[in-house]
């Protein structure tokens, strides 16, 4: 996970989590929150974000498979339509890479 995910956590989750409390978002030298409750919540948040992004990636991979199957059914006389399918597959691949980069998902981590 990357800096952007932590920013989202601190902007949208911690303020709601810490209603009526002092919002101390200080971190130690290892990057952990000083407040152990926040650190524990951060770990859970990271897992939820990673799971969500991976599900989005899997959705795109499933779409690539569907498009590939469809592309094989296009008759030769409509071969121009295969170009459209190939472009759609390429965009799905671009979106997979974009999601990984934007959210800092490691390609080698858990089959992404």
PDB file of N, CA and C in Angstrom:
ATOM      1  N   UNK A   1       0.852  -1.168   0.000  1.00  0.00           N
ATOM      2  CA  UNK A   1       0.000   0.000   0.000  1.00  0.00           C
ATOM      3  C   UNK A   1       0.898   1.231   0.000  1.00  0.00           C
ATOM      4  N   UNK A   2       0.369   2.311  -0.511  1.00  0.00           N
ATOM      5  CA  UNK A   2       1.210   3.478  -0.668  1.00  0.00           C
ATOM      6  C   UNK A   2       0.722   4.669   0.156  1.00  0.00           C
ATOM      7  N   UNK A   3       1.396   5.777  -0.038  1.00  0.00           N
ATOM      8  CA  UNK A   3       1.117   7.010   0.704  1.00  0.00           C
ATOM      9  C   UNK A   3      -0.322   7.471   0.489  1.00  0.00           C
ATOM     10  N   UNK A   4      -0.839   7.315  -0.720  1.00  0.00           N
ATOM     11  CA  UNK A   4      -2.206   7.767  -1.021  1.00  0.00           C
ATOM     12  C   UNK A   4      -3.233   7.035  -0.153  1.00  0.00           C
ATOM     13  N   UNK A   5      -3.039   5.757   0.062  1.00  0.00           N
ATOM     14  CA  UNK A   5      -3.971   4.990   0.890  1.00  0.00           C
ATOM     15  C   UNK A   5      -3.935   5.508   2.327  1.00  0.00           C
ATOM     16  N   UNK A   6      -2.736   5.812   2.821  1.00  0.00           N
ATOM     17  CA  UNK A   6      -2.627   6.355   4.186  1.00  0.00           C
ATOM     18  C   UNK A   6      -3.304   7.726   4.270  1.00  0.00           C
ATOM     19  N   UNK A   7      -3.150   8.549   3.241  1.00  0.00           N
ATOM     20  CA  UNK A   7      -3.811   9.860   3.233  1.00  0.00           C
ATOM     21  C   UNK A   7      -5.323   9.699   3.304  1.00  0.00           C
ATOM     22  N   UNK A   8      -5.872   8.767   2.532  1.00  0.00           N
ATOM     23  CA  UNK A   8      -7.318   8.525   2.565  1.00  0.00           C
ATOM     24  C   UNK A   8      -7.764   8.063   3.954  1.00  0.00           C
ATOM     25  N   UNK A   9      -6.976   7.202   4.553  1.00  0.00           N
ATOM     26  CA  UNK A   9      -7.276   6.718   5.902  1.00  0.00           C
ATOM     27  C   UNK A   9      -7.318   7.878   6.888  1.00  0.00           C
ATOM     28  N   UNK A  10      -6.303   8.749   6.836  1.00  0.00           N
ATOM     29  CA  UNK A  10      -6.228   9.855   7.791  1.00  0.00           C
ATOM     30  C   UNK A  10      -7.285  10.924   7.516  1.00  0.00           C
ATOM     31  N   UNK A  11      -7.684  11.093   6.271  1.00  0.00           N
ATOM     32  CA  UNK A  11      -8.687  12.105   5.933  1.00  0.00           C
ATOM     33  C   UNK A  11     -10.113  11.643   6.218  1.00  0.00           C
ATOM     34  N   UNK A  12     -10.396  10.363   5.970  1.00  0.00           N
ATOM     35  CA  UNK A  12     -11.783   9.923   5.986  1.00  0.00           C
ATOM     36  C   UNK A  12     -12.128   8.921   7.079  1.00  0.00           C
ATOM     37  N   UNK A  13     -11.169   8.170   7.550  1.00  0.00           N
ATOM     38  CA  UNK A  13     -11.481   7.135   8.531  1.00  0.00           C
ATOM     39  C   UNK A  13     -11.141   7.575   9.951  1.00  0.00           C
ATOM     40  N   UNK A  14      -9.931   8.053  10.160  1.00  0.00           N
ATOM     41  CA  UNK A  14      -9.544   8.438  11.524  1.00  0.00           C
ATOM     42  C   UNK A  14     -10.459   9.503  12.129  1.00  0.00           C
ATOM     43  N   UNK A  15     -10.830  10.557  11.409  1.00  0.00           N
ATOM     44  CA  UNK A  15     -11.706  11.549  12.040  1.00  0.00           C
ATOM     45  C   UNK A  15     -13.035  10.951  12.520  1.00  0.00           C
ATOM     46  N   UNK A  16     -13.604  10.022  11.764  1.00  0.00           N
ATOM     47  CA  UNK A  16     -14.860   9.381  12.169  1.00  0.00           C
ATOM     48  C   UNK A  16     -14.635   8.381  13.295  1.00  0.00           C
ATOM     49  N   UNK A  17     -13.477   7.760  13.300  1.00  0.00           N
ATOM     50  CA  UNK A  17     -13.136   6.770  14.307  1.00  0.00           C
ATOM     51  C   UNK A  17     -12.844   7.429  15.652  1.00  0.00           C
ATOM     52  N   UNK A  18     -12.337   8.648  15.618  1.00  0.00           N
ATOM     53  CA  UNK A  18     -11.858   9.319  16.829  1.00  0.00           C
ATOM     54  C   UNK A  18     -12.795  10.412  17.317  1.00  0.00           C
ATOM     55  N   UNK A  19     -14.079  10.309  17.020  1.00  0.00           N
ATOM     56  CA  UNK A  19     -15.039  11.332  17.461  1.00  0.00           C
ATOM     57  C   UNK A  19     -14.980  11.462  18.983  1.00  0.00           C
ATOM     58  N   UNK A  20     -14.797  12.687  19.440  1.00  0.00           N
ATOM     59  CA  UNK A  20     -14.729  12.950  20.874  1.00  0.00           C
ATOM     60  C   UNK A  20     -13.383  12.639  21.497  1.00  0.00           C
ATOM     61  N   UNK A  21     -12.416  12.251  20.685  1.00  0.00           N
ATOM     62  CA  UNK A  21     -11.083  11.941  21.197  1.00  0.00           C
ATOM     63  C   UNK A  21     -10.075  12.911  20.589  1.00  0.00           C
ATOM     64  N   UNK A  22      -8.925  12.978  21.221  1.00  0.00           N
ATOM     65  CA  UNK A  22      -7.823  13.742  20.655  1.00  0.00           C
ATOM     66  C   UNK A  22      -7.287  12.968  19.456  1.00  0.00           C
ATOM     67  N   UNK A  23      -7.313  13.571  18.282  1.00  0.00           N
ATOM     68  CA  UNK A  23      -6.876  12.897  17.064  1.00  0.00           C
ATOM     69  C   UNK A  23      -5.369  13.022  16.918  1.00  0.00           C
ATOM     70  N   UNK A  24      -4.640  12.138  17.594  1.00  0.00           N
ATOM     71  CA  UNK A  24      -3.188  12.123  17.550  1.00  0.00           C
ATOM     72  C   UNK A  24      -2.755  11.158  16.452  1.00  0.00           C
ATOM     73  N   UNK A  25      -2.324  11.713  15.316  1.00  0.00           N
ATOM     74  CA  UNK A  25      -1.920  10.859  14.204  1.00  0.00           C
ATOM     75  C   UNK A  25      -0.395  10.780  14.095  1.00  0.00           C
ATOM     76  N   UNK A  26       0.270  11.015  15.207  1.00  0.00           N
ATOM     77  CA  UNK A  26       1.730  10.897  15.205  1.00  0.00           C
ATOM     78  C   UNK A  26       2.133   9.448  14.980  1.00  0.00           C
ATOM     79  N   UNK A  27       3.268   9.301  14.291  1.00  0.00           N
ATOM     80  CA  UNK A  27       3.780   7.960  14.012  1.00  0.00           C
ATOM     81  C   UNK A  27       5.212   7.854  14.511  1.00  0.00           C
ATOM     82  N   UNK A  28       5.621   6.646  14.863  1.00  0.00           N
ATOM     83  CA  UNK A  28       6.984   6.425  15.322  1.00  0.00           C
ATOM     84  C   UNK A  28       7.925   6.266  14.132  1.00  0.00           C
ATOM     85  N   UNK A  29       9.177   5.945  14.417  1.00  0.00           N
ATOM     86  CA  UNK A  29      10.191   5.856  13.357  1.00  0.00           C
ATOM     87  C   UNK A  29       9.923   4.723  12.366  1.00  0.00           C
ATOM     88  N   UNK A  30       9.128   3.734  12.765  1.00  0.00           N
ATOM     89  CA  UNK A  30       8.780   2.632  11.860  1.00  0.00           C
ATOM     90  C   UNK A  30       7.520   2.946  11.054  1.00  0.00           C
ATOM     91  N   UNK A  31       6.935   4.140  11.252  1.00  0.00           N
ATOM     92  CA  UNK A  31       5.739   4.529  10.526  1.00  0.00           C
ATOM     93  C   UNK A  31       4.446   4.062  11.170  1.00  0.00           C
ATOM     94  N   UNK A  32       4.540   3.483  12.360  1.00  0.00           N
ATOM     95  CA  UNK A  32       3.348   3.006  13.062  1.00  0.00           C
ATOM     96  C   UNK A  32       2.722   4.172  13.822  1.00  0.00           C
ATOM     97  N   UNK A  33       1.414   4.133  13.973  1.00  0.00           N
ATOM     98  CA  UNK A  33       0.730   5.172  14.745  1.00  0.00           C
ATOM     99  C   UNK A  33       1.071   5.027  16.219  1.00  0.00           C
ATOM    100  N   UNK A  34       1.233   6.179  16.892  1.00  0.00           N
ATOM    101  CA  UNK A  34       1.549   6.174  18.319  1.00  0.00           C
ATOM    102  C   UNK A  34       0.407   5.576  19.124  1.00  0.00           C
ATOM    103  N   UNK A  35      -0.804   5.833  18.679  1.00  0.00           N
ATOM    104  CA  UNK A  35      -1.974   5.287  19.350  1.00  0.00           C
ATOM    105  C   UNK A  35      -2.190   3.860  18.820  1.00  0.00           C
ATOM    106  N   UNK A  36      -2.076   2.833  19.676  1.00  0.00           N
ATOM    107  CA  UNK A  36      -2.187   1.444  19.205  1.00  0.00           C
ATOM    108  C   UNK A  36      -3.559   1.112  18.613  1.00  0.00           C
ATOM    109  N   UNK A  37      -4.592   1.802  19.056  1.00  0.00           N
ATOM    110  CA  UNK A  37      -5.929   1.570  18.492  1.00  0.00           C
ATOM    111  C   UNK A  37      -5.951   2.016  17.030  1.00  0.00           C
ATOM    112  N   UNK A  38      -5.335   3.162  16.735  1.00  0.00           N
ATOM    113  CA  UNK A  38      -5.270   3.645  15.350  1.00  0.00           C
ATOM    114  C   UNK A  38      -4.434   2.708  14.493  1.00  0.00           C
ATOM    115  N   UNK A  39      -3.331   2.227  15.052  1.00  0.00           N
ATOM    116  CA  UNK A  39      -2.460   1.317  14.306  1.00  0.00           C
ATOM    117  C   UNK A  39      -3.214   0.038  13.949  1.00  0.00           C
ATOM    118  N   UNK A  40      -3.964  -0.483  14.893  1.00  0.00           N
ATOM    119  CA  UNK A  40      -4.747  -1.691  14.642  1.00  0.00           C
ATOM    120  C   UNK A  40      -5.819  -1.423  13.576  1.00  0.00           C
ATOM    121  N   UNK A  41      -6.466  -0.289  13.680  1.00  0.00           N
ATOM    122  CA  UNK A  41      -7.496   0.087  12.691  1.00  0.00           C
ATOM    123  C   UNK A  41      -6.852   0.292  11.318  1.00  0.00           C
ATOM    124  N   UNK A  42      -5.661   0.874  11.268  1.00  0.00           N
ATOM    125  CA  UNK A  42      -4.936   1.075  10.015  1.00  0.00           C
ATOM    126  C   UNK A  42      -4.659  -0.263   9.338  1.00  0.00           C
ATOM    127  N   UNK A  43      -4.225  -1.244  10.101  1.00  0.00           N
ATOM    128  CA  UNK A  43      -3.939  -2.565   9.536  1.00  0.00           C
ATOM    129  C   UNK A  43      -5.190  -3.188   8.927  1.00  0.00           C
ATOM    130  N   UNK A  44      -6.313  -3.056   9.613  1.00  0.00           N
ATOM    131  CA  UNK A  44      -7.576  -3.571   9.093  1.00  0.00           C
ATOM    132  C   UNK A  44      -7.981  -2.812   7.833  1.00  0.00           C
ATOM    133  N   UNK A  45      -7.802  -1.505   7.838  1.00  0.00           N
ATOM    134  CA  UNK A  45      -8.134  -0.660   6.680  1.00  0.00           C
ATOM    135  C   UNK A  45      -7.306  -1.067   5.463  1.00  0.00           C
ATOM    136  N   UNK A  46      -6.016  -1.283   5.659  1.00  0.00           N
ATOM    137  CA  UNK A  46      -5.144  -1.694   4.549  1.00  0.00           C
ATOM    138  C   UNK A  46      -5.627  -3.005   3.935  1.00  0.00           C
ATOM    139  N   UNK A  47      -5.989  -3.946   4.780  1.00  0.00           N
ATOM    140  CA  UNK A  47      -6.481  -5.236   4.288  1.00  0.00           C
ATOM    141  C   UNK A  47      -7.756  -5.052   3.467  1.00  0.00           C
ATOM    142  N   UNK A  48      -8.651  -4.181   3.937  1.00  0.00           N
ATOM    143  CA  UNK A  48      -9.903  -3.945   3.211  1.00  0.00           C
ATOM    144  C   UNK A  48      -9.637  -3.294   1.858  1.00  0.00           C
ATOM    145  N   UNK A  49      -8.748  -2.313   1.823  1.00  0.00           N
ATOM    146  CA  UNK A  49      -8.418  -1.648   0.562  1.00  0.00           C
ATOM    147  C   UNK A  49      -7.777  -2.635  -0.402  1.00  0.00           C
ATOM    148  N   UNK A  50      -6.833  -3.408   0.084  1.00  0.00           N
ATOM    149  CA  UNK A  50      -6.141  -4.364  -0.778  1.00  0.00           C
ATOM    150  C   UNK A  50      -7.120  -5.401  -1.343  1.00  0.00           C
ATOM    151  N   UNK A  51      -8.018  -5.879  -0.499  1.00  0.00           N
ATOM    152  CA  UNK A  51      -9.018  -6.853  -0.956  1.00  0.00           C
ATOM    153  C   UNK A  51      -9.930  -6.236  -2.019  1.00  0.00           C
ATOM    154  N   UNK A  52     -10.348  -5.008  -1.810  1.00  0.00           N
ATOM    155  CA  UNK A  52     -11.219  -4.329  -2.771  1.00  0.00           C
ATOM    156  C   UNK A  52     -10.520  -4.128  -4.111  1.00  0.00           C
ATOM    157  N   UNK A  53      -9.286  -3.660  -4.072  1.00  0.00           N
ATOM    158  CA  UNK A  53      -8.531  -3.435  -5.310  1.00  0.00           C
ATOM    159  C   UNK A  53      -8.309  -4.761  -6.030  1.00  0.00           C
ATOM    160  N   UNK A  54      -7.981  -5.804  -5.295  1.00  0.00           N
ATOM    161  CA  UNK A  54      -7.765  -7.109  -5.921  1.00  0.00           C
ATOM    162  C   UNK A  54      -9.052  -7.640  -6.558  1.00  0.00           C
ATOM    163  N   UNK A  55     -10.191  -7.382  -5.931  1.00  0.00           N
ATOM    164  CA  UNK A  55     -11.460  -7.797  -6.534  1.00  0.00           C
ATOM    165  C   UNK A  55     -11.727  -7.021  -7.819  1.00  0.00           C
ATOM    166  N   UNK A  56     -11.386  -5.746  -7.841  1.00  0.00           N
ATOM    167  CA  UNK A  56     -11.532  -4.950  -9.071  1.00  0.00           C
ATOM    168  C   UNK A  56     -10.626  -5.502 -10.174  1.00  0.00           C
ATOM    169  N   UNK A  57      -9.410  -5.859  -9.795  1.00  0.00           N
ATOM    170  CA  UNK A  57      -8.465  -6.424 -10.761  1.00  0.00           C
ATOM    171  C   UNK A  57      -8.991  -7.755 -11.292  1.00  0.00           C
ATOM    172  N   UNK A  58      -9.522  -8.584 -10.397  1.00  0.00           N
ATOM    173  CA  UNK A  58     -10.071  -9.873 -10.843  1.00  0.00           C
ATOM    174  C   UNK A  58     -11.254  -9.663 -11.775  1.00  0.00           C
ATOM    175  N   UNK A  59     -12.082  -8.664 -11.490  1.00  0.00           N
ATOM    176  CA  UNK A  59     -13.207  -8.341 -12.381  1.00  0.00           C
ATOM    177  C   UNK A  59     -12.692  -8.023 -13.787  1.00  0.00           C
ATOM    178  N   UNK A  60     -11.630  -7.227 -13.870  1.00  0.00           N
ATOM    179  CA  UNK A  60     -11.054  -6.889 -15.176  1.00  0.00           C
ATOM    180  C   UNK A  60     -10.450  -8.118 -15.850  1.00  0.00           C
ATOM    181  N   UNK A  61      -9.817  -8.988 -15.086  1.00  0.00           N
ATOM    182  CA  UNK A  61      -9.269 -10.219 -15.662  1.00  0.00           C
ATOM    183  C   UNK A  61     -10.385 -11.106 -16.203  1.00  0.00           C
ATOM    184  N   UNK A  62     -11.491 -11.180 -15.488  1.00  0.00           N
ATOM    185  CA  UNK A  62     -12.642 -11.945 -15.963  1.00  0.00           C
ATOM    186  C   UNK A  62     -13.200 -11.334 -17.250  1.00  0.00           C
ATOM    187  N   UNK A  63     -13.201 -10.018 -17.315  1.00  0.00           N
ATOM    188  CA  UNK A  63     -13.675  -9.337 -18.522  1.00  0.00           C
ATOM    189  C   UNK A  63     -12.750  -9.633 -19.699  1.00  0.00           C
ATOM    190  N   UNK A  64     -11.459  -9.685 -19.464  1.00  0.00           N
ATOM    191  CA  UNK A  64     -10.501 -10.048 -20.512  1.00  0.00           C
ATOM    192  C   UNK A  64     -10.808 -11.451 -21.037  1.00  0.00           C
ATOM    193  N   UNK A  65     -11.070 -12.372 -20.135  1.00  0.00           N
ATOM    194  CA  UNK A  65     -11.403 -13.745 -20.542  1.00  0.00           C
ATOM    195  C   UNK A  65     -12.687 -13.766 -21.371  1.00  0.00           C
ATOM    196  N   UNK A  66     -13.697 -13.039 -20.915  1.00  0.00           N
ATOM    197  CA  UNK A  66     -14.967 -12.978 -21.646  1.00  0.00           C
ATOM    198  C   UNK A  66     -14.757 -12.403 -23.037  1.00  0.00           C
ATOM    199  N   UNK A  67     -13.995 -11.314 -23.130  1.00  0.00           N
ATOM    200  CA  UNK A  67     -13.722 -10.694 -24.425  1.00  0.00           C
ATOM    201  C   UNK A  67     -12.924 -11.633 -25.331  1.00  0.00           C
ATOM    202  N   UNK A  68     -11.987 -12.368 -24.749  1.00  0.00           N
ATOM    203  CA  UNK A  68     -11.185 -13.304 -25.541  1.00  0.00           C
ATOM    204  C   UNK A  68     -12.061 -14.392 -26.149  1.00  0.00           C
ATOM    205  N   UNK A  69     -12.960 -14.916 -25.360  1.00  0.00           N
ATOM    206  CA  UNK A  69     -13.887 -15.943 -25.858  1.00  0.00           C
ATOM    207  C   UNK A  69     -14.769 -15.352 -26.957  1.00  0.00           C
ATOM    208  N   UNK A  70     -15.302 -14.170 -26.705  1.00  0.00           N
ATOM    209  CA  UNK A  70     -16.137 -13.507 -27.706  1.00  0.00           C
ATOM    210  C   UNK A  70     -15.355 -13.274 -28.999  1.00  0.00           C
ATOM    211  N   UNK A  71     -14.120 -12.815 -28.866  1.00  0.00           N
ATOM    212  CA  UNK A  71     -13.303 -12.527 -30.047  1.00  0.00           C
ATOM    213  C   UNK A  71     -13.103 -13.746 -30.928  1.00  0.00           C
ATOM    214  N   UNK A  72     -13.036 -14.911 -30.320  1.00  0.00           N
ATOM    215  CA  UNK A  72     -12.858 -16.144 -31.097  1.00  0.00           C
ATOM    216  C   UNK A  72     -14.117 -16.558 -31.837  1.00  0.00           C
ATOM    217  N   UNK A  73     -15.262 -15.992 -31.460  1.00  0.00           N
ATOM    218  CA  UNK A  73     -16.522 -16.349 -32.123  1.00  0.00           C
ATOM    219  C   UNK A  73     -16.852 -15.424 -33.287  1.00  0.00           C
ATOM    220  N   UNK A  74     -16.079 -14.373 -33.467  1.00  0.00           N
ATOM    221  CA  UNK A  74     -16.358 -13.404 -34.540  1.00  0.00           C
ATOM    222  C   UNK A  74     -16.018 -14.042 -35.889  1.00  0.00           C
ATOM    223  N   UNK A  75     -16.977 -14.058 -36.812  1.00  0.00           N
ATOM    224  CA  UNK A  75     -16.721 -14.645 -38.134  1.00  0.00           C
ATOM    225  C   UNK A  75     -15.619 -13.886 -38.885  1.00  0.00           C
ATOM    226  N   UNK A  76     -14.941 -14.589 -39.752  1.00  0.00           N
ATOM    227  CA  UNK A  76     -13.825 -14.012 -40.517  1.00  0.00           C
ATOM    228  C   UNK A  76     -14.247 -12.773 -41.297  1.00  0.00           C
ATOM    229  N   UNK A  77     -15.462 -12.775 -41.827  1.00  0.00           N
ATOM    230  CA  UNK A  77     -15.910 -11.611 -42.615  1.00  0.00           C
ATOM    231  C   UNK A  77     -16.085 -10.355 -41.758  1.00  0.00           C
ATOM    232  N   UNK A  78     -16.121 -10.528 -40.443  1.00  0.00           N
ATOM    233  CA  UNK A  78     -16.226  -9.380 -39.528  1.00  0.00           C
ATOM    234  C   UNK A  78     -14.935  -9.211 -38.722  1.00  0.00           C
ATOM    235  N   UNK A  79     -13.830  -9.526 -39.336  1.00  0.00           N
ATOM    236  CA  UNK A  79     -12.540  -9.495 -38.648  1.00  0.00           C
ATOM    237  C   UNK A  79     -12.231  -8.118 -38.055  1.00  0.00           C
ATOM    238  N   UNK A  80     -12.760  -7.060 -38.652  1.00  0.00           N
ATOM    239  CA  UNK A  80     -12.527  -5.710 -38.120  1.00  0.00           C
ATOM    240  C   UNK A  80     -13.018  -5.600 -36.676  1.00  0.00           C
ATOM    241  N   UNK A  81     -14.027  -6.405 -36.325  1.00  0.00           N
ATOM    242  CA  UNK A  81     -14.557  -6.365 -34.960  1.00  0.00           C
ATOM    243  C   UNK A  81     -13.543  -6.930 -33.959  1.00  0.00           C
ATOM    244  N   UNK A  82     -12.672  -7.802 -34.420  1.00  0.00           N
ATOM    245  CA  UNK A  82     -11.640  -8.351 -33.543  1.00  0.00           C
ATOM    246  C   UNK A  82     -10.690  -7.256 -33.076  1.00  0.00           C
ATOM    247  N   UNK A  83     -10.462  -6.283 -33.947  1.00  0.00           N
ATOM    248  CA  UNK A  83      -9.617  -5.143 -33.547  1.00  0.00           C
ATOM    249  C   UNK A  83     -10.234  -4.409 -32.359  1.00  0.00           C
ATOM    250  N   UNK A  84     -11.568  -4.248 -32.387  1.00  0.00           N
ATOM    251  CA  UNK A  84     -12.252  -3.590 -31.274  1.00  0.00           C
ATOM    252  C   UNK A  84     -12.117  -4.404 -29.984  1.00  0.00           C
ATOM    253  N   UNK A  85     -12.222  -5.710 -30.122  1.00  0.00           N
ATOM    254  CA  UNK A  85     -12.062  -6.586 -28.960  1.00  0.00           C
ATOM    255  C   UNK A  85     -10.642  -6.476 -28.420  1.00  0.00           C
ATOM    256  N   UNK A  86      -9.665  -6.495 -29.314  1.00  0.00           N
ATOM    257  CA  UNK A  86      -8.264  -6.376 -28.885  1.00  0.00           C
ATOM    258  C   UNK A  86      -8.009  -5.060 -28.165  1.00  0.00           C
ATOM    259  N   UNK A  87      -8.607  -3.980 -28.667  1.00  0.00           N
ATOM    260  CA  UNK A  87      -8.460  -2.673 -28.019  1.00  0.00           C
ATOM    261  C   UNK A  87      -9.088  -2.711 -26.622  1.00  0.00           C
ATOM    262  N   UNK A  88     -10.241  -3.339 -26.501  1.00  0.00           N
ATOM    263  CA  UNK A  88     -10.906  -3.442 -25.191  1.00  0.00           C
ATOM    264  C   UNK A  88     -10.068  -4.251 -24.206  1.00  0.00           C
ATOM    265  N   UNK A  89      -9.471  -5.333 -24.691  1.00  0.00           N
ATOM    266  CA  UNK A  89      -8.598  -6.146 -23.829  1.00  0.00           C
ATOM    267  C   UNK A  89      -7.394  -5.322 -23.389  1.00  0.00           C
ATOM    268  N   UNK A  90      -6.819  -4.580 -24.315  1.00  0.00           N
ATOM    269  CA  UNK A  90      -5.662  -3.745 -23.991  1.00  0.00           C
ATOM    270  C   UNK A  90      -6.025  -2.709 -22.927  1.00  0.00           C
ATOM    271  N   UNK A  91      -7.212  -2.120 -23.027  1.00  0.00           N
ATOM    272  CA  UNK A  91      -7.641  -1.128 -22.028  1.00  0.00           C
ATOM    273  C   UNK A  91      -7.842  -1.788 -20.664  1.00  0.00           C
ATOM    274  N   UNK A  92      -8.365  -3.004 -20.649  1.00  0.00           N
ATOM    275  CA  UNK A  92      -8.498  -3.724 -19.372  1.00  0.00           C
ATOM    276  C   UNK A  92      -7.125  -3.936 -18.740  1.00  0.00           C
ATOM    277  N   UNK A  93      -6.158  -4.347 -19.546  1.00  0.00           N
ATOM    278  CA  UNK A  93      -4.797  -4.540 -19.032  1.00  0.00           C
ATOM    279  C   UNK A  93      -4.206  -3.232 -18.517  1.00  0.00           C
ATOM    280  N   UNK A  94      -4.450  -2.138 -19.243  1.00  0.00           N
ATOM    281  CA  UNK A  94      -3.987  -0.823 -18.791  1.00  0.00           C
ATOM    282  C   UNK A  94      -4.614  -0.453 -17.447  1.00  0.00           C
ATOM    283  N   UNK A  95      -5.904  -0.750 -17.308  1.00  0.00           N
ATOM    284  CA  UNK A  95      -6.594  -0.424 -16.055  1.00  0.00           C
ATOM    285  C   UNK A  95      -6.087  -1.272 -14.893  1.00  0.00           C
ATOM    286  N   UNK A  96      -5.761  -2.522 -15.154  1.00  0.00           N
ATOM    287  CA  UNK A  96      -5.184  -3.367 -14.102  1.00  0.00           C
ATOM    288  C   UNK A  96      -3.877  -2.760 -13.616  1.00  0.00           C
ATOM    289  N   UNK A  97      -3.021  -2.406 -14.550  1.00  0.00           N
ATOM    290  CA  UNK A  97      -1.733  -1.811 -14.182  1.00  0.00           C
ATOM    291  C   UNK A  97      -1.932  -0.481 -13.453  1.00  0.00           C
ATOM    292  N   UNK A  98      -2.884   0.318 -13.927  1.00  0.00           N
ATOM    293  CA  UNK A  98      -3.165   1.605 -13.290  1.00  0.00           C
ATOM    294  C   UNK A  98      -3.634   1.448 -11.848  1.00  0.00           C
ATOM    295  N   UNK A  99      -4.506   0.468 -11.597  1.00  0.00           N
ATOM    296  CA  UNK A  99      -4.969   0.222 -10.228  1.00  0.00           C
ATOM    297  C   UNK A  99      -3.820  -0.186  -9.320  1.00  0.00           C
ATOM    298  N   UNK A 100      -2.969  -1.073  -9.816  1.00  0.00           N
ATOM    299  CA  UNK A 100      -1.824  -1.523  -9.017  1.00  0.00           C
ATOM    300  C   UNK A 100      -0.909  -0.354  -8.666  1.00  0.00           C
ATOM    301  N   UNK A 101      -0.636   0.484  -9.646  1.00  0.00           N
ATOM    302  CA  UNK A 101       0.254   1.619  -9.406  1.00  0.00           C
ATOM    303  C   UNK A 101      -0.388   2.651  -8.491  1.00  0.00           C
ATOM    304  N   UNK A 102      -1.657   2.964  -8.724  1.00  0.00           N
ATOM    305  CA  UNK A 102      -2.332   4.009  -7.953  1.00  0.00           C
ATOM    306  C   UNK A 102      -2.436   3.652  -6.468  1.00  0.00           C
ATOM    307  N   UNK A 103      -2.721   2.386  -6.190  1.00  0.00           N
ATOM    308  CA  UNK A 103      -2.902   1.972  -4.801  1.00  0.00           C
ATOM    309  C   UNK A 103      -1.696   1.260  -4.214  1.00  0.00           C
ATOM    310  N   UNK A 104      -0.639   1.088  -4.995  1.00  0.00           N
ATOM    311  CA  UNK A 104       0.581   0.478  -4.476  1.00  0.00           C
ATOM    312  C   UNK A 104       0.433  -1.000  -4.183  1.00  0.00           C
ATOM    313  N   UNK A 105      -0.296  -1.703  -5.034  1.00  0.00           N
ATOM    314  CA  UNK A 105      -0.463  -3.145  -4.864  1.00  0.00           C
ATOM    315  C   UNK A 105       0.712  -3.856  -5.522  1.00  0.00           C
ATOM    316  N   UNK A 106       1.337  -4.744  -4.783  1.00  0.00           N
ATOM    317  CA  UNK A 106       2.483  -5.506  -5.286  1.00  0.00           C
ATOM    318  C   UNK A 106       1.975  -6.624  -6.193  1.00  0.00           C
ATOM    319  N   UNK A 107       2.492  -6.659  -7.423  1.00  0.00           N
ATOM    320  CA  UNK A 107       2.070  -7.676  -8.384  1.00  0.00           C
ATOM    321  C   UNK A 107       2.332  -9.086  -7.888  1.00  0.00           C
ATOM    322  N   UNK A 108       3.375  -9.271  -7.123  1.00  0.00           N
ATOM    323  CA  UNK A 108       3.759 -10.611  -6.688  1.00  0.00           C
ATOM    324  C   UNK A 108       3.097 -10.998  -5.369  1.00  0.00           C
ATOM    325  N   UNK A 109       2.208 -10.151  -4.865  1.00  0.00           N
ATOM    326  CA  UNK A 109       1.589 -10.400  -3.576  1.00  0.00           C
ATOM    327  C   UNK A 109       0.196 -10.999  -3.780  1.00  0.00           C
ATOM    328  N   UNK A 110       0.033 -12.240  -3.411  1.00  0.00           N
ATOM    329  CA  UNK A 110      -1.259 -12.918  -3.427  1.00  0.00           C
ATOM    330  C   UNK A 110      -1.938 -12.956  -4.781  1.00  0.00           C
ATOM    331  N   UNK A 111      -1.200 -13.201  -5.815  1.00  0.00           N
ATOM    332  CA  UNK A 111      -1.765 -13.500  -7.109  1.00  0.00           C
ATOM    333  C   UNK A 111      -2.409 -12.370  -7.867  1.00  0.00           C
ATOM    334  N   UNK A 112      -2.023 -11.162  -7.601  1.00  0.00           N
ATOM    335  CA  UNK A 112      -2.619 -10.027  -8.318  1.00  0.00           C
ATOM    336  C   UNK A 112      -2.197  -9.991  -9.736  1.00  0.00           C
TER     337      UNK A 112
END
